[in-house]
Amino acid sequence: MPTANEIMEQFYSAERVFMSSPPDQADFSGMAKVFSPDIVFRQTPALVYGGVYEGHEGFRRWAKRMNEYFSKVDVHPSNVLEKGDDVVILMTVDFKVRKTGEEFSMPMAQHVKVDQEKGVIVEFWPYYWDVALVNKMLGKED
């Protein structure tokens, strides 16, 4: 049975591949393998790609939007706190804006619930250090 952290590492690996692919060639199947069919993914509504995304189709819609915005989303965990099916990951994330080629990094945290028996992610909440910076880098300032 995989640990919560091992499940997250599978996701981060698949996410790197997906984001580095051109939007018309990005293959969602690698990420789909680590998601429950009923996954609930919550992005802060303050982001240009914010919202609640449910199920594989919802997560695919979010991932497609992210892939249109970014050509790189590279997660570097610095601390992983696990308790059963709950995991909190403290990290730095490197982003590259697809449209401009600009790169930036920021600290983030994620709270994730997994189903270790099935080896899948059930719920996912990312917390950005600087939402305004992300929106600005994507040309969406208020």
Protein backbone atom coordinates (compact mmCIF):
# COMPACT_ATOMS: atom_id res chain seq x y z
CA MET A 1 0.00 0.00 0.00
CA PRO A 2 1.54 3.37 -0.99
CA THR A 3 1.99 6.15 1.55
CA ALA A 4 0.20 9.46 1.09
CA ASN A 5 3.54 11.03 0.15
CA GLU A 6 4.22 8.34 -2.49
CA ILE A 7 0.82 9.03 -4.06
CA MET A 8 1.64 12.76 -4.17
CA GLU A 9 5.02 12.08 -5.79
CA GLN A 10 3.23 10.11 -8.53
CA PHE A 11 0.96 13.10 -9.09
CA TYR A 12 3.83 15.64 -9.19
CA SER A 13 5.70 13.52 -11.73
CA ALA A 14 2.64 13.23 -13.98
CA GLU A 15 1.88 16.95 -13.55
CA ARG A 16 5.41 17.92 -14.72
CA VAL A 17 4.97 15.87 -17.89
CA PHE A 18 1.48 17.26 -18.55
CA MET A 19 2.46 20.91 -18.03
CA SER A 20 5.59 20.68 -20.17
CA SER A 21 3.57 19.34 -23.11
CA PRO A 22 2.10 21.70 -25.71
CA PRO A 23 -1.61 22.27 -24.91
CA ASP A 24 -2.79 20.29 -27.93
CA GLN A 25 -0.60 17.30 -26.96
CA ALA A 26 -1.03 17.21 -23.17
CA ASP A 27 -2.08 13.72 -22.06
CA PHE A 28 -4.21 13.65 -18.91
CA SER A 29 -4.02 9.87 -18.41
CA GLY A 30 -0.90 10.01 -16.18
CA MET A 31 -2.60 12.31 -13.70
CA ALA A 32 -5.94 10.50 -13.94
CA LYS A 33 -4.28 7.32 -12.60
CA VAL A 34 -3.75 8.92 -9.20
CA PHE A 35 -7.20 10.51 -8.83
CA SER A 36 -10.33 9.05 -7.37
CA PRO A 37 -13.15 9.22 -9.92
CA ASP A 38 -14.85 11.47 -7.33
CA ILE A 39 -11.89 13.79 -6.67
CA VAL A 40 -12.73 17.27 -5.41
CA PHE A 41 -10.12 19.92 -6.23
CA ARG A 42 -10.51 23.38 -4.71
CA GLN A 43 -8.63 26.39 -6.07
CA THR A 44 -9.10 29.75 -4.40
CA PRO A 45 -11.69 31.82 -6.32
CA ALA A 46 -9.20 34.73 -6.29
CA LEU A 47 -7.12 33.01 -9.02
CA VAL A 48 -7.90 33.39 -12.71
CA TYR A 49 -8.30 29.61 -12.79
CA GLY A 50 -10.04 29.41 -9.40
CA GLY A 51 -13.03 27.27 -8.59
CA VAL A 52 -14.08 23.84 -7.47
CA TYR A 53 -13.35 21.04 -9.94
CA GLU A 54 -15.01 17.67 -9.39
CA GLY A 55 -14.32 14.24 -10.84
CA HIS A 56 -11.85 13.37 -13.56
CA GLU A 57 -13.59 15.65 -16.05
CA GLY A 58 -13.46 18.59 -13.66
CA PHE A 59 -9.79 18.07 -12.91
CA ARG A 60 -9.09 17.66 -16.64
CA ARG A 61 -10.73 21.08 -17.26
CA TRP A 62 -8.54 22.67 -14.57
CA ALA A 63 -5.39 20.98 -15.88
CA LYS A 64 -6.14 22.12 -19.44
CA ARG A 65 -6.50 25.74 -18.24
CA MET A 66 -3.26 25.48 -16.27
CA ASN A 67 -1.48 24.01 -19.27
CA GLU A 68 -2.65 26.93 -21.41
CA TYR A 69 -1.22 29.35 -18.81
CA PHE A 70 1.99 27.55 -17.79
CA SER A 71 4.62 25.48 -19.58
CA LYS A 72 6.24 24.54 -16.27
CA VAL A 73 4.81 23.78 -12.85
CA ASP A 74 7.60 22.12 -10.89
CA VAL A 75 6.94 21.26 -7.23
CA HIS A 76 9.83 21.00 -4.75
CA PRO A 77 8.50 19.67 -1.42
CA SER A 78 10.48 20.80 1.62
CA ASN A 79 8.37 19.19 4.33
CA VAL A 80 5.71 16.50 4.15
CA LEU A 81 3.45 15.89 7.12
CA GLU A 82 1.44 12.68 6.96
CA LYS A 83 -1.20 11.31 9.27
CA GLY A 84 -3.09 8.40 7.82
CA ASP A 85 -4.86 9.53 4.67
CA ASP A 86 -4.09 13.23 5.30
CA VAL A 87 -0.97 14.89 3.98
CA VAL A 88 0.19 18.49 4.18
CA ILE A 89 3.03 19.44 1.86
CA LEU A 90 5.12 22.58 2.28
CA MET A 91 6.90 23.42 -0.94
CA THR A 92 8.37 25.84 -3.40
CA VAL A 93 6.84 25.79 -6.88
CA ASP A 94 8.59 26.99 -10.03
CA PHE A 95 6.30 28.33 -12.75
CA LYS A 96 6.94 29.35 -16.35
CA VAL A 97 4.27 31.42 -18.10
CA ARG A 98 3.61 29.88 -21.51
CA LYS A 99 2.63 33.17 -23.22
CA THR A 100 5.60 35.30 -22.09
CA GLY A 101 8.27 32.78 -21.08
CA GLU A 102 8.61 34.56 -17.71
CA GLU A 103 9.51 32.38 -14.74
CA PHE A 104 8.77 32.84 -11.07
CA SER A 105 8.81 30.80 -7.87
CA MET A 106 6.83 30.96 -4.66
CA PRO A 107 6.19 29.03 -1.48
CA MET A 108 2.97 27.05 -1.34
CA ALA A 109 1.24 24.51 0.83
CA GLN A 110 -1.20 21.77 -0.08
CA HIS A 111 -3.60 19.79 2.06
CA VAL A 112 -4.51 16.54 0.38
CA LYS A 113 -6.67 13.60 1.38
CA VAL A 114 -5.83 10.28 -0.20
CA ASP A 115 -7.28 6.80 -0.15
CA GLN A 116 -4.16 4.76 0.58
CA GLU A 117 -5.98 1.46 0.00
CA LYS A 118 -6.79 2.50 -3.57
CA GLY A 119 -3.64 4.61 -4.07
CA VAL A 120 -5.57 7.71 -5.20
CA ILE A 121 -6.10 11.35 -4.30
CA VAL A 122 -9.62 12.11 -3.02
CA GLU A 123 -9.50 15.83 -2.12
CA PHE A 124 -6.97 18.54 -2.91
CA TRP A 125 -6.54 22.10 -1.59
CA PRO A 126 -3.55 24.20 -2.75
CA TYR A 127 -2.68 27.39 -0.82
CA TYR A 128 -0.66 30.01 -2.71
CA TRP A 129 1.63 32.45 -0.94
CA ASP A 130 0.94 35.26 -3.44
CA VAL A 131 -2.24 34.93 -5.49
CA ALA A 132 -1.86 38.50 -6.77
CA LEU A 133 1.55 37.63 -8.27
CA VAL A 134 0.15 34.62 -10.10
CA ASN A 135 -2.67 36.70 -11.58
CA LYS A 136 -0.24 39.50 -12.49
CA MET A 137 2.14 37.10 -14.24
CA LEU A 138 -0.83 35.84 -16.26
CA GLY A 139 -1.82 39.40 -17.23
CA LYS A 140 -4.95 39.40 -15.08
CA GLU A 141 -4.37 42.26 -12.64
CA ASP A 142 -7.35 43.93 -10.97
